[in-house]
Amino acid sequence: QQIGREVVGNMVALGAVGYLCKAVSPESLEEAVAARVPAGTEDINLR
């Protein structure tokens, strides 16, 4: 509904886990997502 792609449900879940466990900073999660996902999909995964 918010991103328009069900395939990024894992990234939504990762954001929630990262926020709840407080083991990593949000900035580090964002950097890791941008570095790991396929080129061209960074924006949708970060959203």
All heavy atoms as atom14 arrays in JSON, in Angstrom:
{
  "sequence": "QQIGREVVGNMVALGAVGYLCKAVSPESLEEAVAARVPAGTEDINLR",
  "atom14_mask": [
    [1, 1, 1, 1, 1, 1, 1, 1, 1, 0, 0, 0, 0, 0],
    [1, 1, 1, 1, 1, 1, 1, 1, 1, 0, 0, 0, 0, 0],
    [1, 1, 1, 1, 1, 1, 1, 1, 0, 0, 0, 0, 0, 0],
    [1, 1, 1, 1, 0, 0, 0, 0, 0, 0, 0, 0, 0, 0],
    [1, 1, 1, 1, 1, 1, 1, 1, 1, 1, 1, 0, 0, 0],
    [1, 1, 1, 1, 1, 1, 1, 1, 1, 0, 0, 0, 0, 0],
    [1, 1, 1, 1, 1, 1, 1, 0, 0, 0, 0, 0, 0, 0],
    [1, 1, 1, 1, 1, 1, 1, 0, 0, 0, 0, 0, 0, 0],
    [1, 1, 1, 1, 0, 0, 0, 0, 0, 0, 0, 0, 0, 0],
    [1, 1, 1, 1, 1, 1, 1, 1, 0, 0, 0, 0, 0, 0],
    [1, 1, 1, 1, 1, 1, 1, 1, 0, 0, 0, 0, 0, 0],
    [1, 1, 1, 1, 1, 1, 1, 0, 0, 0, 0, 0, 0, 0],
    [1, 1, 1, 1, 1, 0, 0, 0, 0, 0, 0, 0, 0, 0],
    [1, 1, 1, 1, 1, 1, 1, 1, 0, 0, 0, 0, 0, 0],
    [1, 1, 1, 1, 0, 0, 0, 0, 0, 0, 0, 0, 0, 0],
    [1, 1, 1, 1, 1, 0, 0, 0, 0, 0, 0, 0, 0, 0],
    [1, 1, 1, 1, 1, 1, 1, 0, 0, 0, 0, 0, 0, 0],
    [1, 1, 1, 1, 0, 0, 0, 0, 0, 0, 0, 0, 0, 0],
    [1, 1, 1, 1, 1, 1, 1, 1, 1, 1, 1, 1, 0, 0],
    [1, 1, 1, 1, 1, 1, 1, 1, 0, 0, 0, 0, 0, 0],
    [1, 1, 1, 1, 1, 1, 0, 0, 0, 0, 0, 0, 0, 0],
    [1, 1, 1, 1, 1, 1, 1, 1, 1, 0, 0, 0, 0, 0],
    [1, 1, 1, 1, 1, 0, 0, 0, 0, 0, 0, 0, 0, 0],
    [1, 1, 1, 1, 1, 1, 1, 0, 0, 0, 0, 0, 0, 0],
    [1, 1, 1, 1, 1, 1, 0, 0, 0, 0, 0, 0, 0, 0],
    [1, 1, 1, 1, 1, 1, 1, 0, 0, 0, 0, 0, 0, 0],
    [1, 1, 1, 1, 1, 1, 1, 1, 1, 0, 0, 0, 0, 0],
    [1, 1, 1, 1, 1, 1, 0, 0, 0, 0, 0, 0, 0, 0],
    [1, 1, 1, 1, 1, 1, 1, 1, 0, 0, 0, 0, 0, 0],
    [1, 1, 1, 1, 1, 1, 1, 1, 1, 0, 0, 0, 0, 0],
    [1, 1, 1, 1, 1, 1, 1, 1, 1, 0, 0, 0, 0, 0],
    [1, 1, 1, 1, 1, 0, 0, 0, 0, 0, 0, 0, 0, 0],
    [1, 1, 1, 1, 1, 1, 1, 0, 0, 0, 0, 0, 0, 0],
    [1, 1, 1, 1, 1, 0, 0, 0, 0, 0, 0, 0, 0, 0],
    [1, 1, 1, 1, 1, 0, 0, 0, 0, 0, 0, 0, 0, 0],
    [1, 1, 1, 1, 1, 1, 1, 1, 1, 1, 1, 0, 0, 0],
    [1, 1, 1, 1, 1, 1, 1, 0, 0, 0, 0, 0, 0, 0],
    [1, 1, 1, 1, 1, 1, 1, 0, 0, 0, 0, 0, 0, 0],
    [1, 1, 1, 1, 1, 0, 0, 0, 0, 0, 0, 0, 0, 0],
    [1, 1, 1, 1, 0, 0, 0, 0, 0, 0, 0, 0, 0, 0],
    [1, 1, 1, 1, 1, 1, 1, 0, 0, 0, 0, 0, 0, 0],
    [1, 1, 1, 1, 1, 1, 1, 1, 1, 0, 0, 0, 0, 0],
    [1, 1, 1, 1, 1, 1, 1, 1, 0, 0, 0, 0, 0, 0],
    [1, 1, 1, 1, 1, 1, 1, 1, 0, 0, 0, 0, 0, 0],
    [1, 1, 1, 1, 1, 1, 1, 1, 0, 0, 0, 0, 0, 0],
    [1, 1, 1, 1, 1, 1, 1, 1, 0, 0, 0, 0, 0, 0],
    [1, 1, 1, 1, 1, 1, 1, 1, 1, 1, 1, 0, 0, 0]
  ],
  "atom14_positions": [
    [[0.8, -1.22, 0.0], [0.0, 0.0, 0.0], [0.84, 1.28, 0.0], [0.49, 2.24, -0.68], [-0.95, 0.0, 1.2], [-2.02, -1.06, 1.1], [-2.9, -1.12, 2.34], [-2.62, -0.53, 3.37], [-4.01, -1.87, 2.21], [0.0, 0.0, 0.0], [0.0, 0.0, 0.0], [0.0, 0.0, 0.0], [0.0, 0.0, 0.0], [0.0, 0.0, 0.0]],
    [[1.93, 1.31, 0.76], [2.71, 2.55, 0.87], [3.83, 2.65, -0.16], [4.18, 3.74, -0.58], [3.31, 2.68, 2.28], [2.27, 2.89, 3.35], [2.9, 3.08, 4.73], [4.04, 3.5, 4.85], [2.14, 2.76, 5.76], [0.0, 0.0, 0.0], [0.0, 0.0, 0.0], [0.0, 0.0, 0.0], [0.0, 0.0, 0.0], [0.0, 0.0, 0.0]],
    [[4.4, 1.5, -0.52], [5.55, 1.52, -1.43], [5.14, 1.09, -2.84], [5.78, 1.44, -3.81], [6.68, 0.59, -0.91], [6.96, 0.84, 0.58], [7.96, 0.76, -1.74], [7.37, 2.26, 0.93], [0.0, 0.0, 0.0], [0.0, 0.0, 0.0], [0.0, 0.0, 0.0], [0.0, 0.0, 0.0], [0.0, 0.0, 0.0], [0.0, 0.0, 0.0]],
    [[4.06, 0.32, -2.94], [3.58, -0.13, -4.23], [4.22, -1.41, -4.72], [4.0, -1.83, -5.86], [0.0, 0.0, 0.0], [0.0, 0.0, 0.0], [0.0, 0.0, 0.0], [0.0, 0.0, 0.0], [0.0, 0.0, 0.0], [0.0, 0.0, 0.0], [0.0, 0.0, 0.0], [0.0, 0.0, 0.0], [0.0, 0.0, 0.0], [0.0, 0.0, 0.0]],
    [[5.01, -2.07, -3.86], [5.68, -3.33, -4.23], [5.73, -4.26, -3.02], [6.44, -3.98, -2.06], [7.12, -3.05, -4.7], [7.28, -2.19, -5.93], [6.98, -2.88, -7.24], [7.62, -4.14, -7.43], [8.84, -4.35, -7.91], [9.6, -3.33, -8.23], [9.3, -5.57, -8.07], [0.0, 0.0, 0.0], [0.0, 0.0, 0.0], [0.0, 0.0, 0.0]],
    [[5.01, -5.34, -3.1], [4.98, -6.31, -2.0], [6.35, -6.93, -1.74], [6.66, -7.34, -0.63], [3.97, -7.42, -2.37], [3.24, -7.97, -1.2], [2.12, -8.91, -1.62], [1.0, -8.42, -1.86], [2.39, -10.12, -1.68], [0.0, 0.0, 0.0], [0.0, 0.0, 0.0], [0.0, 0.0, 0.0], [0.0, 0.0, 0.0], [0.0, 0.0, 0.0]],
    [[7.17, -6.98, -2.76], [8.48, -7.63, -2.68], [9.4, -6.98, -1.63], [10.33, -7.62, -1.16], [9.16, -7.68, -4.07], [9.61, -6.3, -4.52], [10.3, -8.65, -4.09], [0.0, 0.0, 0.0], [0.0, 0.0, 0.0], [0.0, 0.0, 0.0], [0.0, 0.0, 0.0], [0.0, 0.0, 0.0], [0.0, 0.0, 0.0], [0.0, 0.0, 0.0]],
    [[9.14, -5.73, -1.25], [9.99, -5.08, -0.25], [9.43, -5.2, 1.17], [9.86, -4.5, 2.08], [10.27, -3.59, -0.6], [11.1, -3.5, -1.87], [8.98, -2.79, -0.71], [0.0, 0.0, 0.0], [0.0, 0.0, 0.0], [0.0, 0.0, 0.0], [0.0, 0.0, 0.0], [0.0, 0.0, 0.0], [0.0, 0.0, 0.0], [0.0, 0.0, 0.0]],
    [[8.52, -6.14, 1.37], [8.01, -6.42, 2.72], [9.12, -6.79, 3.68], [9.06, -6.48, 4.87], [0.0, 0.0, 0.0], [0.0, 0.0, 0.0], [0.0, 0.0, 0.0], [0.0, 0.0, 0.0], [0.0, 0.0, 0.0], [0.0, 0.0, 0.0], [0.0, 0.0, 0.0], [0.0, 0.0, 0.0], [0.0, 0.0, 0.0], [0.0, 0.0, 0.0]],
    [[10.16, -7.44, 3.16], [11.3, -7.79, 4.01], [12.02, -6.56, 4.54], [12.51, -6.55, 5.67], [12.28, -8.72, 3.29], [12.96, -8.08, 2.1], [12.41, -7.21, 1.42], [14.17, -8.52, 1.81], [0.0, 0.0, 0.0], [0.0, 0.0, 0.0], [0.0, 0.0, 0.0], [0.0, 0.0, 0.0], [0.0, 0.0, 0.0], [0.0, 0.0, 0.0]],
    [[12.09, -5.51, 3.74], [12.75, -4.29, 4.18], [11.89, -3.53, 5.2], [12.42, -2.9, 6.13], [13.1, -3.38, 3.0], [14.19, -3.93, 2.1], [15.79, -4.05, 2.94], [16.11, -5.79, 2.8], [0.0, 0.0, 0.0], [0.0, 0.0, 0.0], [0.0, 0.0, 0.0], [0.0, 0.0, 0.0], [0.0, 0.0, 0.0], [0.0, 0.0, 0.0]],
    [[10.57, -3.6, 5.04], [9.68, -3.02, 6.04], [9.89, -3.74, 7.37], [10.05, -3.11, 8.43], [8.2, -3.11, 5.6], [7.28, -2.54, 6.69], [7.96, -2.38, 4.28], [0.0, 0.0, 0.0], [0.0, 0.0, 0.0], [0.0, 0.0, 0.0], [0.0, 0.0, 0.0], [0.0, 0.0, 0.0], [0.0, 0.0, 0.0], [0.0, 0.0, 0.0]],
    [[9.94, -5.07, 7.31], [10.17, -5.88, 8.51], [11.53, -5.57, 9.12], [11.66, -5.44, 10.35], [10.04, -7.37, 8.18], [0.0, 0.0, 0.0], [0.0, 0.0, 0.0], [0.0, 0.0, 0.0], [0.0, 0.0, 0.0], [0.0, 0.0, 0.0], [0.0, 0.0, 0.0], [0.0, 0.0, 0.0], [0.0, 0.0, 0.0], [0.0, 0.0, 0.0]],
    [[12.55, -5.45, 8.29], [13.89, -5.14, 8.78], [13.9, -3.79, 9.5], [14.52, -3.65, 10.56], [14.89, -5.12, 7.63], [16.32, -4.67, 7.99], [16.93, -5.61, 9.02], [17.18, -4.58, 6.74], [0.0, 0.0, 0.0], [0.0, 0.0, 0.0], [0.0, 0.0, 0.0], [0.0, 0.0, 0.0], [0.0, 0.0, 0.0], [0.0, 0.0, 0.0]],
    [[13.22, -2.8, 8.96], [13.14, -1.51, 9.62], [12.53, -1.62, 11.01], [13.02, -1.03, 11.97], [0.0, 0.0, 0.0], [0.0, 0.0, 0.0], [0.0, 0.0, 0.0], [0.0, 0.0, 0.0], [0.0, 0.0, 0.0], [0.0, 0.0, 0.0], [0.0, 0.0, 0.0], [0.0, 0.0, 0.0], [0.0, 0.0, 0.0], [0.0, 0.0, 0.0]],
    [[11.45, -2.4, 11.12], [10.8, -2.58, 12.42], [11.71, -3.32, 13.39], [11.86, -2.91, 14.55], [9.49, -3.34, 12.24], [0.0, 0.0, 0.0], [0.0, 0.0, 0.0], [0.0, 0.0, 0.0], [0.0, 0.0, 0.0], [0.0, 0.0, 0.0], [0.0, 0.0, 0.0], [0.0, 0.0, 0.0], [0.0, 0.0, 0.0], [0.0, 0.0, 0.0]],
    [[12.35, -4.39, 12.93], [13.26, -5.15, 13.8], [14.41, -4.26, 14.26], [14.76, -4.23, 15.44], [13.78, -6.41, 13.09], [14.91, -7.06, 13.89], [12.64, -7.41, 12.88], [0.0, 0.0, 0.0], [0.0, 0.0, 0.0], [0.0, 0.0, 0.0], [0.0, 0.0, 0.0], [0.0, 0.0, 0.0], [0.0, 0.0, 0.0], [0.0, 0.0, 0.0]],
    [[14.99, -3.52, 13.33], [16.09, -2.63, 13.67], [15.69, -1.58, 14.69], [16.42, -1.31, 15.64], [0.0, 0.0, 0.0], [0.0, 0.0, 0.0], [0.0, 0.0, 0.0], [0.0, 0.0, 0.0], [0.0, 0.0, 0.0], [0.0, 0.0, 0.0], [0.0, 0.0, 0.0], [0.0, 0.0, 0.0], [0.0, 0.0, 0.0], [0.0, 0.0, 0.0]],
    [[14.51, -1.02, 14.51], [14.02, -0.01, 15.45], [13.78, -0.62, 16.83], [14.15, -0.04, 17.85], [12.73, 0.63, 14.93], [12.17, 1.64, 15.89], [12.65, 2.95, 15.9], [11.18, 1.3, 16.81], [12.17, 3.89, 16.79], [10.69, 2.22, 17.71], [11.18, 3.52, 17.7], [10.71, 4.43, 18.61], [0.0, 0.0, 0.0], [0.0, 0.0, 0.0]],
    [[13.17, -1.81, 16.87], [12.8, -2.43, 18.15], [14.0, -2.99, 18.91], [14.06, -2.89, 20.13], [11.77, -3.53, 17.91], [10.4, -3.05, 17.42], [9.56, -4.22, 16.95], [9.68, -2.27, 18.52], [0.0, 0.0, 0.0], [0.0, 0.0, 0.0], [0.0, 0.0, 0.0], [0.0, 0.0, 0.0], [0.0, 0.0, 0.0], [0.0, 0.0, 0.0]],
    [[14.96, -3.57, 18.2], [16.07, -4.2, 18.91], [17.14, -3.2, 19.33], [17.91, -3.47, 20.24], [16.68, -5.35, 18.11], [17.8, -4.87, 16.8], [0.0, 0.0, 0.0], [0.0, 0.0, 0.0], [0.0, 0.0, 0.0], [0.0, 0.0, 0.0], [0.0, 0.0, 0.0], [0.0, 0.0, 0.0], [0.0, 0.0, 0.0], [0.0, 0.0, 0.0]],
    [[17.19, -2.06, 18.68], [18.13, -0.99, 19.02], [19.59, -1.44, 19.04], [20.43, -0.87, 19.72], [17.75, -0.36, 20.36], [16.34, 0.21, 20.36], [16.04, 0.99, 21.59], [14.61, 1.46, 21.71], [13.88, 1.82, 20.54], [0.0, 0.0, 0.0], [0.0, 0.0, 0.0], [0.0, 0.0, 0.0], [0.0, 0.0, 0.0], [0.0, 0.0, 0.0]],
    [[19.91, -2.48, 18.29], [21.28, -3.0, 18.24], [22.14, -2.3, 17.2], [23.35, -2.36, 17.25], [21.27, -4.5, 17.95], [0.0, 0.0, 0.0], [0.0, 0.0, 0.0], [0.0, 0.0, 0.0], [0.0, 0.0, 0.0], [0.0, 0.0, 0.0], [0.0, 0.0, 0.0], [0.0, 0.0, 0.0], [0.0, 0.0, 0.0], [0.0, 0.0, 0.0]],
    [[21.49, -1.64, 16.23], [22.2, -0.92, 15.18], [21.53, 0.43, 14.99], [20.34, 0.59, 15.28], [22.23, -1.69, 13.84], [22.99, -2.99, 13.97], [20.83, -1.94, 13.33], [0.0, 0.0, 0.0], [0.0, 0.0, 0.0], [0.0, 0.0, 0.0], [0.0, 0.0, 0.0], [0.0, 0.0, 0.0], [0.0, 0.0, 0.0], [0.0, 0.0, 0.0]],
    [[22.28, 1.39, 14.5], [21.69, 2.71, 14.28], [20.88, 2.71, 12.99], [21.19, 1.97, 12.05], [22.8, 3.76, 14.2], [23.55, 3.58, 13.02], [0.0, 0.0, 0.0], [0.0, 0.0, 0.0], [0.0, 0.0, 0.0], [0.0, 0.0, 0.0], [0.0, 0.0, 0.0], [0.0, 0.0, 0.0], [0.0, 0.0, 0.0], [0.0, 0.0, 0.0]],
    [[19.84, 3.54, 12.93], [19.07, 3.66, 11.69], [19.95, 4.07, 10.51], [19.76, 3.59, 9.39], [18.03, 4.74, 12.01], [17.91, 4.73, 13.5], [19.27, 4.35, 14.01], [0.0, 0.0, 0.0], [0.0, 0.0, 0.0], [0.0, 0.0, 0.0], [0.0, 0.0, 0.0], [0.0, 0.0, 0.0], [0.0, 0.0, 0.0], [0.0, 0.0, 0.0]],
    [[20.93, 4.92, 10.76], [21.82, 5.37, 9.69], [22.64, 4.2, 9.12], [22.83, 4.1, 7.9], [22.76, 6.46, 10.21], [22.07, 7.74, 10.65], [21.43, 7.65, 12.05], [21.77, 6.74, 12.83], [20.57, 8.51, 12.34], [0.0, 0.0, 0.0], [0.0, 0.0, 0.0], [0.0, 0.0, 0.0], [0.0, 0.0, 0.0], [0.0, 0.0, 0.0]],
    [[23.09, 3.32, 10.01], [23.86, 2.16, 9.56], [22.98, 1.21, 8.76], [23.42, 0.63, 7.76], [24.48, 1.43, 10.75], [25.47, 2.25, 11.34], [0.0, 0.0, 0.0], [0.0, 0.0, 0.0], [0.0, 0.0, 0.0], [0.0, 0.0, 0.0], [0.0, 0.0, 0.0], [0.0, 0.0, 0.0], [0.0, 0.0, 0.0], [0.0, 0.0, 0.0]],
    [[21.74, 1.04, 9.19], [20.81, 0.2, 8.42], [20.59, 0.79, 7.03], [20.6, 0.05, 6.04], [19.48, 0.06, 9.15], [19.38, -1.08, 10.15], [18.06, -1.0, 10.92], [19.5, -2.43, 9.47], [0.0, 0.0, 0.0], [0.0, 0.0, 0.0], [0.0, 0.0, 0.0], [0.0, 0.0, 0.0], [0.0, 0.0, 0.0], [0.0, 0.0, 0.0]],
    [[20.41, 2.08, 6.96], [20.21, 2.72, 5.66], [21.43, 2.55, 4.76], [21.29, 2.25, 3.57], [19.85, 4.2, 5.84], [18.47, 4.4, 6.42], [18.06, 5.86, 6.54], [18.85, 6.75, 6.15], [16.94, 6.11, 7.01], [0.0, 0.0, 0.0], [0.0, 0.0, 0.0], [0.0, 0.0, 0.0], [0.0, 0.0, 0.0], [0.0, 0.0, 0.0]],
    [[22.61, 2.73, 5.33], [23.83, 2.55, 4.53], [23.97, 1.12, 4.04], [24.34, 0.87, 2.89], [25.07, 2.93, 5.35], [25.22, 4.42, 5.58], [26.52, 4.75, 6.28], [27.59, 4.58, 5.65], [26.47, 5.18, 7.45], [0.0, 0.0, 0.0], [0.0, 0.0, 0.0], [0.0, 0.0, 0.0], [0.0, 0.0, 0.0], [0.0, 0.0, 0.0]],
    [[23.65, 0.16, 4.9], [23.76, -1.25, 4.53], [22.74, -1.61, 3.45], [23.06, -2.36, 2.52], [23.58, -2.14, 5.76], [0.0, 0.0, 0.0], [0.0, 0.0, 0.0], [0.0, 0.0, 0.0], [0.0, 0.0, 0.0], [0.0, 0.0, 0.0], [0.0, 0.0, 0.0], [0.0, 0.0, 0.0], [0.0, 0.0, 0.0], [0.0, 0.0, 0.0]],
    [[21.53, -1.09, 3.56], [20.52, -1.34, 2.53], [20.99, -0.78, 1.19], [20.97, -1.47, 0.17], [19.15, -0.72, 2.92], [18.2, -0.68, 1.72], [18.51, -1.51, 4.05], [0.0, 0.0, 0.0], [0.0, 0.0, 0.0], [0.0, 0.0, 0.0], [0.0, 0.0, 0.0], [0.0, 0.0, 0.0], [0.0, 0.0, 0.0], [0.0, 0.0, 0.0]],
    [[21.43, 0.47, 1.19], [21.87, 1.11, -0.06], [23.03, 0.36, -0.71], [23.12, 0.28, -1.94], [22.26, 2.56, 0.2], [0.0, 0.0, 0.0], [0.0, 0.0, 0.0], [0.0, 0.0, 0.0], [0.0, 0.0, 0.0], [0.0, 0.0, 0.0], [0.0, 0.0, 0.0], [0.0, 0.0, 0.0], [0.0, 0.0, 0.0], [0.0, 0.0, 0.0]],
    [[23.91, -0.22, 0.11], [25.07, -0.94, -0.42], [24.72, -2.35, -0.89], [25.38, -2.9, -1.77], [26.16, -1.02, 0.64], [0.0, 0.0, 0.0], [0.0, 0.0, 0.0], [0.0, 0.0, 0.0], [0.0, 0.0, 0.0], [0.0, 0.0, 0.0], [0.0, 0.0, 0.0], [0.0, 0.0, 0.0], [0.0, 0.0, 0.0], [0.0, 0.0, 0.0]],
    [[23.69, -2.97, -0.33], [23.4, -4.39, -0.57], [22.37, -4.64, -1.67], [22.46, -5.62, -2.4], [22.93, -5.02, 0.75], [22.4, -6.43, 0.68], [23.31, -7.46, 0.08], [24.52, -7.69, 0.82], [25.37, -8.67, 0.53], [25.12, -9.49, -0.48], [26.47, -8.84, 1.2], [0.0, 0.0, 0.0], [0.0, 0.0, 0.0], [0.0, 0.0, 0.0]],
    [[21.36, -3.79, -1.8], [20.28, -4.07, -2.76], [20.75, -3.84, -4.19], [21.73, -3.12, -4.43], [19.02, -3.22, -2.45], [18.48, -3.56, -1.06], [19.28, -1.73, -2.6], [0.0, 0.0, 0.0], [0.0, 0.0, 0.0], [0.0, 0.0, 0.0], [0.0, 0.0, 0.0], [0.0, 0.0, 0.0], [0.0, 0.0, 0.0], [0.0, 0.0, 0.0]],
    [[20.07, -4.44, -5.17], [20.47, -4.25, -6.57], [20.44, -2.77, -6.98], [19.58, -2.01, -6.54], [19.41, -5.04, -7.35], [18.89, -6.05, -6.37], [18.95, -5.38, -5.03], [0.0, 0.0, 0.0], [0.0, 0.0, 0.0], [0.0, 0.0, 0.0], [0.0, 0.0, 0.0], [0.0, 0.0, 0.0], [0.0, 0.0, 0.0], [0.0, 0.0, 0.0]],
    [[21.4, -2.4, -7.8], [21.49, -1.02, -8.3], [20.17, -0.63, -8.95], [19.56, -1.41, -9.68], [22.62, -0.9, -9.3], [0.0, 0.0, 0.0], [0.0, 0.0, 0.0], [0.0, 0.0, 0.0], [0.0, 0.0, 0.0], [0.0, 0.0, 0.0], [0.0, 0.0, 0.0], [0.0, 0.0, 0.0], [0.0, 0.0, 0.0], [0.0, 0.0, 0.0]],
    [[19.73, 0.57, -8.64], [18.47, 1.06, -9.19], [17.28, 0.83, -8.27], [16.21, 1.38, -8.51], [0.0, 0.0, 0.0], [0.0, 0.0, 0.0], [0.0, 0.0, 0.0], [0.0, 0.0, 0.0], [0.0, 0.0, 0.0], [0.0, 0.0, 0.0], [0.0, 0.0, 0.0], [0.0, 0.0, 0.0], [0.0, 0.0, 0.0], [0.0, 0.0, 0.0]],
    [[17.45, 0.0, -7.23], [16.34, -0.27, -6.31], [16.57, 0.36, -4.93], [15.81, 0.12, -4.0], [16.1, -1.79, -6.12], [17.22, -2.35, -5.41], [15.9, -2.49, -7.44], [0.0, 0.0, 0.0], [0.0, 0.0, 0.0], [0.0, 0.0, 0.0], [0.0, 0.0, 0.0], [0.0, 0.0, 0.0], [0.0, 0.0, 0.0], [0.0, 0.0, 0.0]],
    [[17.63, 1.15, -4.82], [17.96, 1.73, -3.51], [16.81, 2.56, -2.94], [16.46, 2.42, -1.77], [19.22, 2.62, -3.61], [20.47, 1.88, -3.99], [20.73, 1.84, -5.5], [19.82, 2.21, -6.28], [21.85, 1.46, -5.88], [0.0, 0.0, 0.0], [0.0, 0.0, 0.0], [0.0, 0.0, 0.0], [0.0, 0.0, 0.0], [0.0, 0.0, 0.0]],
    [[16.21, 3.4, -3.76], [15.15, 4.29, -3.27], [13.96, 3.51, -2.74], [13.48, 3.79, -1.63], [14.7, 5.25, -4.38], [13.61, 6.19, -3.89], [13.86, 6.94, -2.93], [12.49, 6.16, -4.45], [0.0, 0.0, 0.0], [0.0, 0.0, 0.0], [0.0, 0.0, 0.0], [0.0, 0.0, 0.0], [0.0, 0.0, 0.0], [0.0, 0.0, 0.0]],
    [[13.48, 2.55, -3.48], [12.3, 1.79, -3.05], [12.6, 1.0, -1.77], [11.77, 0.91, -0.86], [11.76, 0.88, -4.18], [10.42, 0.31, -3.81], [12.73, -0.22, -4.52], [9.73, -0.42, -4.95], [0.0, 0.0, 0.0], [0.0, 0.0, 0.0], [0.0, 0.0, 0.0], [0.0, 0.0, 0.0], [0.0, 0.0, 0.0], [0.0, 0.0, 0.0]],
    [[13.79, 0.44, -1.67], [14.16, -0.33, -0.48], [14.34, 0.58, 0.74], [13.96, 0.21, 1.85], [15.42, -1.16, -0.74], [15.1, -2.42, -1.51], [14.58, -3.37, -0.96], [15.4, -2.43, -2.8], [0.0, 0.0, 0.0], [0.0, 0.0, 0.0], [0.0, 0.0, 0.0], [0.0, 0.0, 0.0], [0.0, 0.0, 0.0], [0.0, 0.0, 0.0]],
    [[14.92, 1.75, 0.55], [15.08, 2.69, 1.66], [13.73, 3.22, 2.13], [13.5, 3.39, 3.33], [16.01, 3.84, 1.26], [17.48, 3.46, 1.18], [18.29, 4.57, 0.51], [18.05, 3.14, 2.57], [0.0, 0.0, 0.0], [0.0, 0.0, 0.0], [0.0, 0.0, 0.0], [0.0, 0.0, 0.0], [0.0, 0.0, 0.0], [0.0, 0.0, 0.0]],
    [[12.82, 3.47, 1.2], [11.48, 3.9, 1.59], [10.79, 2.81, 2.4], [10.11, 3.1, 3.39], [10.65, 4.26, 0.35], [11.07, 5.59, -0.25], [10.35, 5.95, -1.55], [8.96, 5.55, -1.61], [8.39, 4.98, -2.67], [9.09, 4.77, -3.77], [7.13, 4.67, -2.64], [0.0, 0.0, 0.0], [0.0, 0.0, 0.0], [0.0, 0.0, 0.0]]
  ]
}
